[in-house]
Amino acid sequence: MQEPTWPVNKDWQRGQSRPEQVNARFYTAAGITLGYLVTMMALTVQQWSVLEPAIKRFITAGFADFNPLLMLPVMLLTGLLGVPRVLREYVRWRQQRALVMTLDPVPAALDGELGGSLTIPLDLPSDVDVKITINCMRRVVTTGKNASVNDQLLWQSPAVFRRMRSIKGTRIEFCAPLSEQQPPSSFDQGRRQCWWAVHVEVPDSGFDATFPVPVSAEARKKTSDFRFTERERQQSIEAAQESPRSWQQAVVDTSTLSIDFPAGRSGKTAWILMIIGLVFTGVAAFMAYNVWDELNSQRPSYFALMVQGMILLGFGLFSPALLLSGFYMRCNSLRLEAGSQELVTTRHFLFLSKQRRIAVDDVEGLAERVVGRTGQGVDSELDYAIDAYMHDGQRVRLGDGIQGQQEVESLMATLCSITGISYRPDPAAYTLQRRIPPAWVLWLPVLFKSAGILIFGLTIAAFMADFW
């Protein structure tokens, strides 16, 4: 059964799914690389009568007599660097072009589970790592000069699976519960808006495939025919927990929980902010040099000074903010001590420390939020934070830098069991009481508008002054 707004998908009607972009990736890589090589080869052959004596003169002159046409063979050799990528895409195309994943149920229910089976054309030993995740994504389409199509990961959860030997390779069966807080599969005139996918990855062999799956809010069947025993589920959970945790030290007993969220848990996000801050600092330094050089010239241009000064001001304001925020994300640590009566959070940054004590009775509930996202689609990495929502409408951060849906769910379950605080998966269910800003904050928009008008007037005056 498919919803009326979904496009016709014969694979889904048969309870199947095929991997995404198998032909497109191979044909695109092969077409671009071969087209580039053929073009450079034709130009090199056509200009060979000029290139041959130019190469001889270049060598005999001790590499001093350079002819720009010598870049043609260099560009031809550079194009050969794309051949290994074409070969990798060809191997991927051979592996995945005939892959078919069997699904049950079809469509899956948001508050149910999704199972399936797949035969990978690889002989995988039992000790080879296999990763299977269920992903919910929102497609973000931008138009204009910076037109792009991105898949924003909303939710990700590992699946319980088992592997079996097969004549054609390795047969894998999996099953995973879905999240009823996420949106179902939706389309707008045949184009994806929100979509679900099963991601199968074997890191050691380079196998990586994504299978779109239908998920409906109206589906009746909640369970899958691919069933697993409690022992198999426990073994799969233990295998997934062998990876290093973002919260490294946890001391748990029946009444207390103590967790250290170490510095550096932000991962790539902090480095990205610091790199952008360094780039902005370089631009600001370059513009400062131009301003200084213009001031020391015999006849400075006031219009050039205004433009370069505005660029210097913009990049100069943002660069330290980005550098400091990235450095703070990289170096701060957080300690959480949870008991049945009180929650204590202590945040350390360099020589600074801030502690906050919260009575359990003052907390209305707990919820997790996505606070960091790097990558795209199924390859995204999500960073979660756990917040305590107070009865007075305030929100207090209990933990951050938690990597992965499984870790945050495990930590949330432990917190709720120890403190007895209720858990609401949707942060929008809480009502936040916004603090009234001080009076001087209300004057900031007026100040910025006045400064903008003043700068605009000074720019026009500087432009006119250059002609006096």
Protein backbone atom coordinates (compact mmCIF):
# COMPACT_ATOMS: atom_id res chain seq x y z
CA MET A 1 0.00 0.00 0.00
CA GLN A 2 1.31 3.44 -0.97
CA GLU A 3 -0.06 6.84 -0.09
CA PRO A 4 -1.73 8.82 -2.91
CA THR A 5 0.86 11.62 -2.79
CA TRP A 6 3.78 9.22 -3.30
CA PRO A 7 5.16 8.67 -6.82
CA VAL A 8 4.73 5.22 -8.35
CA ASN A 9 7.57 2.97 -7.21
CA LYS A 10 7.40 -0.57 -8.56
CA ASP A 11 10.11 -1.77 -6.17
CA TRP A 12 8.13 -0.59 -3.14
CA GLN A 13 4.99 -2.22 -4.53
CA ARG A 14 6.90 -5.53 -4.57
CA GLY A 15 8.26 -4.94 -1.05
CA GLN A 16 11.76 -4.22 -2.32
CA SER A 17 14.28 -1.39 -2.58
CA ARG A 18 17.37 -0.76 -4.70
CA PRO A 19 20.48 1.28 -3.79
CA GLU A 20 20.64 5.00 -4.51
CA GLN A 21 22.67 6.57 -7.34
CA VAL A 22 24.52 3.45 -8.44
CA ASN A 23 24.47 4.22 -12.16
CA ALA A 24 24.61 8.01 -11.73
CA ARG A 25 27.84 8.02 -9.71
CA PHE A 26 29.69 5.66 -12.07
CA TYR A 27 28.50 7.26 -15.30
CA THR A 28 29.18 10.78 -13.99
CA ALA A 29 32.71 9.95 -12.85
CA ALA A 30 33.51 8.03 -16.05
CA GLY A 31 31.98 10.69 -18.31
CA ILE A 32 33.78 13.63 -16.71
CA THR A 33 37.16 11.87 -16.52
CA LEU A 34 37.07 10.37 -20.00
CA GLY A 35 35.70 13.58 -21.53
CA TYR A 36 38.51 15.58 -19.93
CA LEU A 37 41.20 13.11 -21.04
CA VAL A 38 39.88 12.91 -24.62
CA THR A 39 39.73 16.72 -24.88
CA MET A 40 43.25 17.19 -23.54
CA MET A 41 44.54 14.37 -25.75
CA ALA A 42 43.01 15.94 -28.87
CA LEU A 43 44.46 19.37 -28.05
CA THR A 44 47.88 17.88 -27.34
CA VAL A 45 47.92 15.96 -30.62
CA GLN A 46 46.73 19.00 -32.54
CA GLN A 47 49.46 21.22 -31.09
CA TRP A 48 52.20 18.59 -31.14
CA SER A 49 54.06 20.29 -34.02
CA VAL A 50 54.47 23.32 -31.74
CA LEU A 51 54.88 21.39 -28.49
CA GLU A 52 57.79 19.20 -29.63
CA PRO A 53 60.26 22.06 -30.36
CA ALA A 54 58.98 23.93 -27.28
CA ILE A 55 59.81 20.95 -25.06
CA LYS A 56 63.31 20.69 -26.57
CA ARG A 57 63.97 24.43 -26.05
CA PHE A 58 62.63 24.16 -22.48
CA ILE A 59 65.09 21.35 -21.69
CA THR A 60 68.14 22.76 -23.49
CA ALA A 61 67.63 26.22 -21.95
CA GLY A 62 67.81 24.77 -18.45
CA PHE A 63 64.05 25.09 -17.86
CA ALA A 64 64.22 28.85 -18.43
CA ASP A 65 62.43 29.14 -21.79
CA PHE A 66 58.83 28.33 -20.85
CA ASN A 67 56.05 28.20 -23.43
CA PRO A 68 52.47 28.35 -22.05
CA LEU A 69 51.50 25.52 -24.43
CA LEU A 70 53.61 23.20 -22.27
CA MET A 71 50.68 23.20 -19.81
CA LEU A 72 48.71 21.00 -22.24
CA PRO A 73 50.64 17.76 -21.51
CA VAL A 74 50.72 18.71 -17.81
CA MET A 75 46.93 19.03 -17.77
CA LEU A 76 46.67 15.71 -19.63
CA LEU A 77 48.77 13.97 -16.98
CA THR A 78 46.75 15.66 -14.22
CA GLY A 79 43.58 14.14 -15.66
CA LEU A 80 45.04 10.67 -15.08
CA LEU A 81 44.61 11.26 -11.34
CA GLY A 82 40.86 10.75 -11.84
CA VAL A 83 41.30 7.22 -13.20
CA PRO A 84 41.57 5.54 -9.73
CA ARG A 85 38.26 7.13 -8.72
CA VAL A 86 36.61 5.81 -11.89
CA LEU A 87 37.93 2.33 -11.09
CA ARG A 88 36.53 2.53 -7.53
CA GLU A 89 33.16 3.64 -8.86
CA TYR A 90 33.25 0.77 -11.37
CA VAL A 91 33.84 -1.77 -8.59
CA ARG A 92 30.99 -0.21 -6.62
CA TRP A 93 28.75 -0.32 -9.70
CA ARG A 94 29.53 -4.01 -10.28
CA GLN A 95 28.75 -4.82 -6.64
CA GLN A 96 25.51 -2.86 -6.29
CA ARG A 97 23.82 -2.77 -9.70
CA ALA A 98 21.96 -6.05 -9.05
CA LEU A 99 21.38 -5.57 -5.30
CA VAL A 100 17.79 -5.82 -4.10
CA MET A 101 16.75 -5.38 -0.47
CA THR A 102 13.60 -7.17 0.70
CA LEU A 103 11.55 -5.10 3.16
CA ASP A 104 8.81 -5.89 5.67
CA PRO A 105 6.46 -4.26 6.40
CA VAL A 106 5.87 -2.04 3.37
CA PRO A 107 5.21 0.71 4.17
CA ALA A 108 6.58 0.76 7.70
CA ALA A 109 4.72 2.52 10.50
CA LEU A 110 6.25 5.42 12.42
CA ASP A 111 5.46 3.78 15.75
CA GLY A 112 6.41 0.30 14.51
CA GLU A 113 9.53 -1.40 13.23
CA LEU A 114 11.20 -2.01 9.88
CA GLY A 115 12.98 -5.20 8.87
CA GLY A 116 14.62 -6.51 5.76
CA SER A 117 17.20 -8.77 4.18
CA LEU A 118 20.04 -8.23 1.72
CA THR A 119 22.61 -10.49 0.09
CA ILE A 120 25.97 -8.73 -0.30
CA PRO A 121 28.26 -10.17 -3.03
CA LEU A 122 31.13 -10.40 -0.54
CA ASP A 123 32.33 -13.27 1.63
CA LEU A 124 32.44 -11.51 4.99
CA PRO A 125 34.08 -13.29 7.96
CA SER A 126 32.34 -13.08 11.31
CA ASP A 127 34.91 -10.61 12.68
CA VAL A 128 34.41 -8.03 9.92
CA ASP A 129 32.57 -4.95 11.12
CA VAL A 130 29.16 -4.30 9.51
CA LYS A 131 27.13 -1.15 10.20
CA ILE A 132 23.40 -0.92 9.44
CA THR A 133 21.49 2.22 10.38
CA ILE A 134 17.97 3.55 9.83
CA ASN A 135 18.00 7.23 8.84
CA CYS A 136 15.36 9.94 8.55
CA MET A 137 16.34 12.92 6.38
CA ARG A 138 14.85 16.17 5.17
CA ARG A 139 15.75 17.35 1.68
CA VAL A 140 16.74 21.03 1.65
CA VAL A 141 16.66 22.69 -1.78
CA THR A 142 18.01 26.20 -2.30
CA THR A 143 17.66 28.23 -5.49
CA GLY A 144 19.43 31.23 -6.94
CA LYS A 145 23.17 31.77 -7.28
CA ASN A 146 23.99 29.25 -4.54
CA ALA A 147 21.52 26.59 -5.67
CA SER A 148 22.06 23.26 -3.94
CA VAL A 149 20.32 20.07 -2.85
CA ASN A 150 21.25 18.74 0.60
CA ASP A 151 19.88 15.93 2.73
CA GLN A 152 19.72 17.02 6.37
CA LEU A 153 19.85 14.11 8.80
CA LEU A 154 17.09 14.31 11.43
CA TRP A 155 17.39 10.96 13.18
CA GLN A 156 19.61 7.90 13.04
CA SER A 157 19.48 4.59 14.87
CA PRO A 158 21.47 1.33 14.52
CA ALA A 159 19.63 -1.83 13.54
CA VAL A 160 19.85 -5.29 15.05
CA PHE A 161 21.15 -7.70 12.42
CA ARG A 162 22.53 -11.17 11.83
CA ARG A 163 24.70 -12.49 9.00
CA MET A 164 24.62 -15.85 7.27
CA ARG A 165 26.73 -17.50 4.58
CA SER A 166 25.14 -17.63 1.14
CA ILE A 167 26.05 -19.00 -2.28
CA LYS A 168 26.10 -15.44 -3.63
CA GLY A 169 28.03 -13.97 -0.70
CA THR A 170 26.73 -12.95 2.73
CA ARG A 171 23.05 -12.68 3.61
CA ILE A 172 22.17 -10.03 6.19
CA GLU A 173 18.84 -9.73 7.99
CA PHE A 174 18.04 -6.69 10.13
CA CYS A 175 15.28 -5.08 12.15
CA ALA A 176 14.99 -1.72 13.91
CA PRO A 177 12.27 0.32 15.65
CA LEU A 178 11.32 3.65 14.12
CA SER A 179 10.75 6.96 15.87
CA GLU A 180 7.21 8.30 15.97
CA GLN A 181 8.57 11.80 16.65
CA GLN A 182 10.00 11.99 13.11
CA PRO A 183 8.05 12.89 9.93
CA PRO A 184 6.91 10.14 7.51
CA SER A 185 8.01 9.87 3.89
CA SER A 186 6.60 12.82 1.97
CA PHE A 187 6.80 14.07 -1.61
CA ASP A 188 5.90 17.31 -3.38
CA GLN A 189 5.03 16.70 -7.04
CA GLY A 190 7.21 13.60 -7.06
CA ARG A 191 10.14 15.31 -5.35
CA ARG A 192 11.35 14.22 -1.94
CA GLN A 193 10.69 16.36 1.09
CA CYS A 194 11.29 13.92 3.94
CA TRP A 195 12.60 10.42 3.27
CA TRP A 196 13.86 7.38 5.11
CA ALA A 197 16.76 5.14 4.14
CA VAL A 198 18.63 2.04 5.29
CA HIS A 199 22.39 2.54 5.17
CA VAL A 200 24.56 -0.59 4.93
CA GLU A 201 28.32 -0.14 5.31
CA VAL A 202 31.25 -2.56 5.49
CA PRO A 203 34.21 -0.23 6.21
CA ASP A 204 36.97 -2.81 5.68
CA SER A 205 35.81 -3.73 2.17
CA GLY A 206 34.64 -0.29 1.03
CA PHE A 207 31.03 -1.44 0.59
CA ASP A 208 28.60 1.43 1.12
CA ALA A 209 24.96 1.41 -0.05
CA THR A 210 21.86 3.45 0.77
CA PHE A 211 18.36 2.03 0.21
CA PRO A 212 15.31 4.36 0.33
CA VAL A 213 12.39 2.85 2.26
CA PRO A 214 8.72 3.91 2.61
CA VAL A 215 7.49 5.04 6.04
CA SER A 216 3.86 6.05 6.52
CA ALA A 217 1.89 7.51 9.41
CA GLU A 218 -1.18 5.52 8.28
CA ALA A 219 0.43 2.06 8.04
CA ARG A 220 -1.42 -0.65 9.93
CA LYS A 221 1.25 -3.33 10.30
CA LYS A 222 3.55 -2.46 13.20
CA THR A 223 5.84 -5.49 13.40
CA SER A 224 8.24 -7.09 10.95
CA ASP A 225 8.48 -10.71 9.88
CA PHE A 226 12.24 -10.50 10.42
CA ARG A 227 12.28 -11.30 14.13
CA PHE A 228 15.20 -11.52 16.54
CA THR A 229 15.56 -13.20 19.91
CA GLU A 230 16.38 -11.18 23.00
CA ARG A 231 19.87 -12.71 23.03
CA GLU A 232 20.53 -11.58 19.45
CA ARG A 233 19.35 -8.08 20.27
CA GLN A 234 21.59 -7.91 23.33
CA GLN A 235 24.62 -9.15 21.39
CA SER A 236 24.03 -6.54 18.70
CA ILE A 237 23.73 -3.76 21.29
CA GLU A 238 26.93 -4.89 23.03
CA ALA A 239 28.78 -4.98 19.70
CA ALA A 240 27.66 -1.44 18.92
CA GLN A 241 28.79 -0.24 22.35
CA GLU A 242 32.37 -1.38 21.79
CA SER A 243 33.12 1.91 20.00
CA PRO A 244 34.53 4.75 22.17
CA ARG A 245 31.88 6.87 23.84
CA SER A 246 31.80 10.65 23.73
CA TRP A 247 31.16 10.58 27.50
CA GLN A 248 34.15 8.52 28.62
CA GLN A 249 33.95 8.19 32.38
CA ALA A 250 30.67 7.21 33.96
CA VAL A 251 30.25 5.95 37.52
CA VAL A 252 26.80 4.49 38.08
CA ASP A 253 25.23 2.84 41.10
CA THR A 254 21.65 2.44 42.21
CA SER A 255 21.23 6.04 43.41
CA THR A 256 23.87 8.28 41.78
CA LEU A 257 25.40 8.93 38.39
CA SER A 258 28.64 10.80 37.76
CA ILE A 259 29.74 11.57 34.20
CA ASP A 260 32.70 13.53 32.86
CA PHE A 261 32.16 14.99 29.40
CA PRO A 262 35.80 15.55 28.41
CA ALA A 263 37.29 18.45 26.47
CA GLY A 264 37.46 17.91 22.72
CA ARG A 265 34.13 16.09 22.54
CA SER A 266 32.80 18.56 19.95
CA GLY A 267 34.73 16.73 17.21
CA LYS A 268 34.97 18.45 13.84
CA THR A 269 32.71 21.38 14.68
CA ALA A 270 35.29 23.20 16.81
CA TRP A 271 38.00 22.76 14.18
CA ILE A 272 35.70 24.06 11.44
CA LEU A 273 34.94 27.20 13.46
CA MET A 274 38.62 27.83 14.21
CA ILE A 275 39.65 27.32 10.56
CA ILE A 276 36.97 29.77 9.39
CA GLY A 277 38.14 32.18 12.09
CA LEU A 278 41.74 31.90 10.86
CA VAL A 279 40.63 32.58 7.27
CA PHE A 280 38.67 35.64 8.42
CA THR A 281 41.70 36.80 10.42
CA GLY A 282 43.88 36.52 7.32
CA VAL A 283 41.41 38.57 5.27
CA ALA A 284 41.23 41.20 8.03
CA ALA A 285 45.04 41.38 8.24
CA PHE A 286 45.30 41.77 4.46
CA MET A 287 42.73 44.58 4.46
CA ALA A 288 44.54 46.26 7.38
CA TYR A 289 47.74 46.21 5.33
CA ASN A 290 45.89 47.76 2.38
CA VAL A 291 44.47 50.51 4.62
CA TRP A 292 47.94 51.25 6.02
CA ASP A 293 49.44 51.29 2.54
CA GLU A 294 46.69 53.61 1.28
CA LEU A 295 47.21 56.02 4.18
CA ASN A 296 50.94 56.24 3.43
CA SER A 297 50.46 56.88 -0.29
CA GLN A 298 51.07 60.33 -1.78
CA ARG A 299 47.39 60.88 -2.61
CA PRO A 300 45.17 58.50 -0.62
CA SER A 301 41.77 57.57 -2.01
CA TYR A 302 39.13 58.23 0.63
CA PHE A 303 36.62 55.99 -1.12
CA ALA A 304 39.10 53.08 -1.16
CA LEU A 305 39.82 53.71 2.52
CA MET A 306 36.12 53.56 3.37
CA VAL A 307 35.51 50.34 1.42
CA GLN A 308 38.62 48.62 2.78
CA GLY A 309 37.83 49.87 6.27
CA MET A 310 34.31 48.41 6.13
CA ILE A 311 35.69 45.04 4.99
CA LEU A 312 38.30 45.22 7.76
CA LEU A 313 35.62 46.03 10.33
CA GLY A 314 33.35 43.16 9.22
CA PHE A 315 35.99 40.45 9.13
CA GLY A 316 37.73 41.89 12.19
CA LEU A 317 34.55 41.58 14.26
CA PHE A 318 33.72 38.02 13.20
CA SER A 319 37.21 36.46 13.26
CA PRO A 320 37.88 36.68 17.03
CA ALA A 321 34.32 35.53 17.79
CA LEU A 322 34.73 32.43 15.59
CA LEU A 323 38.20 31.68 16.97
CA LEU A 324 37.12 32.03 20.60
CA SER A 325 33.91 30.03 20.13
CA GLY A 326 35.82 27.21 18.41
CA PHE A 327 38.52 27.28 21.11
CA TYR A 328 35.85 27.22 23.83
CA MET A 329 34.08 24.26 22.22
CA ARG A 330 37.40 22.45 21.96
CA CYS A 331 38.68 23.08 25.49
CA ASN A 332 35.67 23.19 27.83
CA SER A 333 34.70 20.17 29.93
CA LEU A 334 31.50 19.37 31.78
CA ARG A 335 30.83 17.20 34.82
CA LEU A 336 27.35 15.98 35.73
CA GLU A 337 26.47 14.48 39.11
CA ALA A 338 22.92 13.18 39.26
CA GLY A 339 21.13 11.84 42.30
CA SER A 340 17.59 11.20 43.40
CA GLN A 341 17.32 14.66 45.01
CA GLU A 342 19.71 16.97 43.16
CA LEU A 343 21.52 17.57 39.86
CA VAL A 344 24.94 19.26 39.92
CA THR A 345 26.66 20.52 36.75
CA THR A 346 30.23 21.88 36.76
CA ARG A 347 31.74 23.39 33.61
CA HIS A 348 35.50 24.07 33.35
CA PHE A 349 37.23 26.25 30.77
CA LEU A 350 40.94 26.98 31.27
CA PHE A 351 41.13 28.45 34.79
CA LEU A 352 37.40 29.29 34.97
CA SER A 353 34.76 27.11 36.60
CA LYS A 354 30.99 27.44 37.01
CA GLN A 355 28.80 25.15 39.12
CA ARG A 356 25.02 24.96 39.22
CA ARG A 357 22.81 22.95 41.58
CA ILE A 358 19.27 21.99 40.58
CA ALA A 359 16.68 20.31 42.77
CA VAL A 360 15.00 17.37 41.08
CA ASP A 361 11.59 18.66 42.19
CA ASP A 362 12.18 21.88 40.19
CA VAL A 363 12.65 19.97 36.90
CA GLU A 364 9.59 19.44 34.72
CA GLY A 365 11.26 16.99 32.31
CA LEU A 366 14.28 16.05 30.20
CA ALA A 367 14.75 16.15 26.43
CA GLU A 368 17.59 15.78 23.95
CA ARG A 369 18.36 18.14 21.07
CA VAL A 370 20.63 18.06 18.03
CA VAL A 371 23.20 20.83 18.60
CA GLY A 372 25.79 19.91 15.95
CA ARG A 373 25.64 18.40 12.49
CA THR A 374 28.56 17.70 10.13
CA GLY A 375 28.42 15.92 6.79
CA GLN A 376 25.42 15.25 4.60
CA GLY A 377 22.76 12.58 4.42
CA VAL A 378 23.51 9.18 5.90
CA ASP A 379 27.18 10.15 6.34
CA SER A 380 26.29 12.93 8.78
CA GLU A 381 27.54 12.99 12.35
CA LEU A 382 25.06 14.30 14.92
CA ASP A 383 26.02 15.83 18.26
CA TYR A 384 23.32 15.77 20.91
CA ALA A 385 22.75 17.68 24.12
CA ILE A 386 20.53 16.82 27.09
CA ASP A 387 18.57 19.69 28.64
CA ALA A 388 16.56 19.94 31.83
CA TYR A 389 13.38 22.02 31.49
CA MET A 390 12.42 23.76 34.72
CA HIS A 391 8.94 24.54 36.05
CA ASP A 392 9.77 28.26 35.87
CA GLY A 393 10.33 28.05 32.10
CA GLN A 394 14.14 27.98 32.10
CA ARG A 395 16.38 25.46 30.36
CA VAL A 396 19.57 24.06 31.87
CA ARG A 397 22.21 22.12 29.93
CA LEU A 398 23.10 18.81 31.59
CA GLY A 399 25.32 17.27 28.91
CA ASP A 400 26.58 18.03 25.42
CA GLY A 401 28.85 16.62 22.75
CA ILE A 402 27.05 13.25 22.93
CA GLN A 403 27.66 11.54 19.60
CA GLY A 404 24.95 9.32 18.18
CA GLN A 405 21.31 8.51 18.82
CA GLN A 406 22.12 5.29 20.66
CA GLU A 407 24.39 6.99 23.19
CA VAL A 408 21.96 9.77 24.00
CA GLU A 409 19.08 7.31 24.43
CA SER A 410 21.18 5.12 26.74
CA LEU A 411 22.30 8.08 28.82
CA MET A 412 18.77 9.52 28.94
CA ALA A 413 17.33 6.21 30.16
CA THR A 414 19.95 6.06 32.93
CA LEU A 415 19.26 9.64 34.02
CA CYS A 416 15.50 9.11 34.14
CA SER A 417 15.82 5.88 36.13
CA ILE A 418 18.07 7.48 38.76
CA THR A 419 16.35 10.86 39.15
CA GLY A 420 12.76 9.81 38.42
CA ILE A 421 12.33 12.81 36.08
CA SER A 422 9.96 12.30 33.15
CA TYR A 423 11.28 12.19 29.59
CA ARG A 424 9.69 13.97 26.65
CA PRO A 425 11.39 13.34 23.31
CA ASP A 426 10.06 16.54 21.72
CA PRO A 427 11.68 19.73 23.13
CA ALA A 428 8.85 21.80 21.60
CA ALA A 429 6.48 20.27 24.16
CA TYR A 430 7.99 22.51 26.86
CA THR A 431 7.15 26.17 27.36
CA LEU A 432 10.19 28.38 27.81
CA GLN A 433 10.01 31.64 29.73
CA ARG A 434 12.13 34.18 27.90
CA ARG A 435 14.04 36.58 30.08
CA ILE A 436 13.26 40.27 29.69
CA PRO A 437 16.35 41.88 28.11
CA PRO A 438 17.89 44.94 29.79
CA ALA A 439 16.99 48.38 28.48
CA TRP A 440 20.31 48.93 26.70
CA VAL A 441 19.71 45.86 24.49
CA LEU A 442 16.60 47.50 23.04
CA TRP A 443 18.77 50.38 21.79
CA LEU A 444 21.11 48.12 19.81
CA PRO A 445 18.94 48.00 16.63
CA VAL A 446 18.72 51.80 16.67
CA LEU A 447 22.49 52.03 17.10
CA PHE A 448 23.18 49.62 14.22
CA LYS A 449 20.76 51.43 11.90
CA SER A 450 22.29 54.79 12.75
CA ALA A 451 25.81 53.43 12.17
CA GLY A 452 24.72 52.00 8.81
CA ILE A 453 23.26 55.32 7.69
CA LEU A 454 26.39 57.15 8.87
CA ILE A 455 28.74 54.76 7.02
CA PHE A 456 26.66 55.06 3.86
CA GLY A 457 26.83 58.85 4.04
CA LEU A 458 30.58 58.83 4.70
CA THR A 459 31.12 56.49 1.74
CA ILE A 460 29.31 58.88 -0.61
CA ALA A 461 31.24 61.83 0.84
CA ALA A 462 34.55 59.97 0.39
CA PHE A 463 33.68 59.15 -3.23
CA MET A 464 32.95 62.83 -3.92
CA ALA A 465 36.08 63.97 -2.06
CA ASP A 466 38.30 61.94 -4.40
CA PHE A 467 37.28 64.23 -7.30
CA TRP A 468 37.99 67.50 -5.53
